[in-house]
Amino acid sequence: MNINSHVENLNAKHAEIEDIISREELRPCPDTIRLMQLKKKKLMLKEELSRFSFQH
């Protein structure tokens, strides 16, 4: 897997998690633990993406 496709994959996962978070927050009783886990995962993806942008 080349770097560009890896970055695209990370961006897609980030967007997917963002969508899941948005839908979860709209629920009458959102699962706060799930939201916390999703936000942490989203942040890790964002950090990995930023490492790639600094390298290239």
Foldseek 3Di string as FASTA:
>chain_A
DDPVVVLVVLVVLLVVLVVVLVVQVPDPDRDVVVNVVSVVVSVVSVVVNVVVVVVD
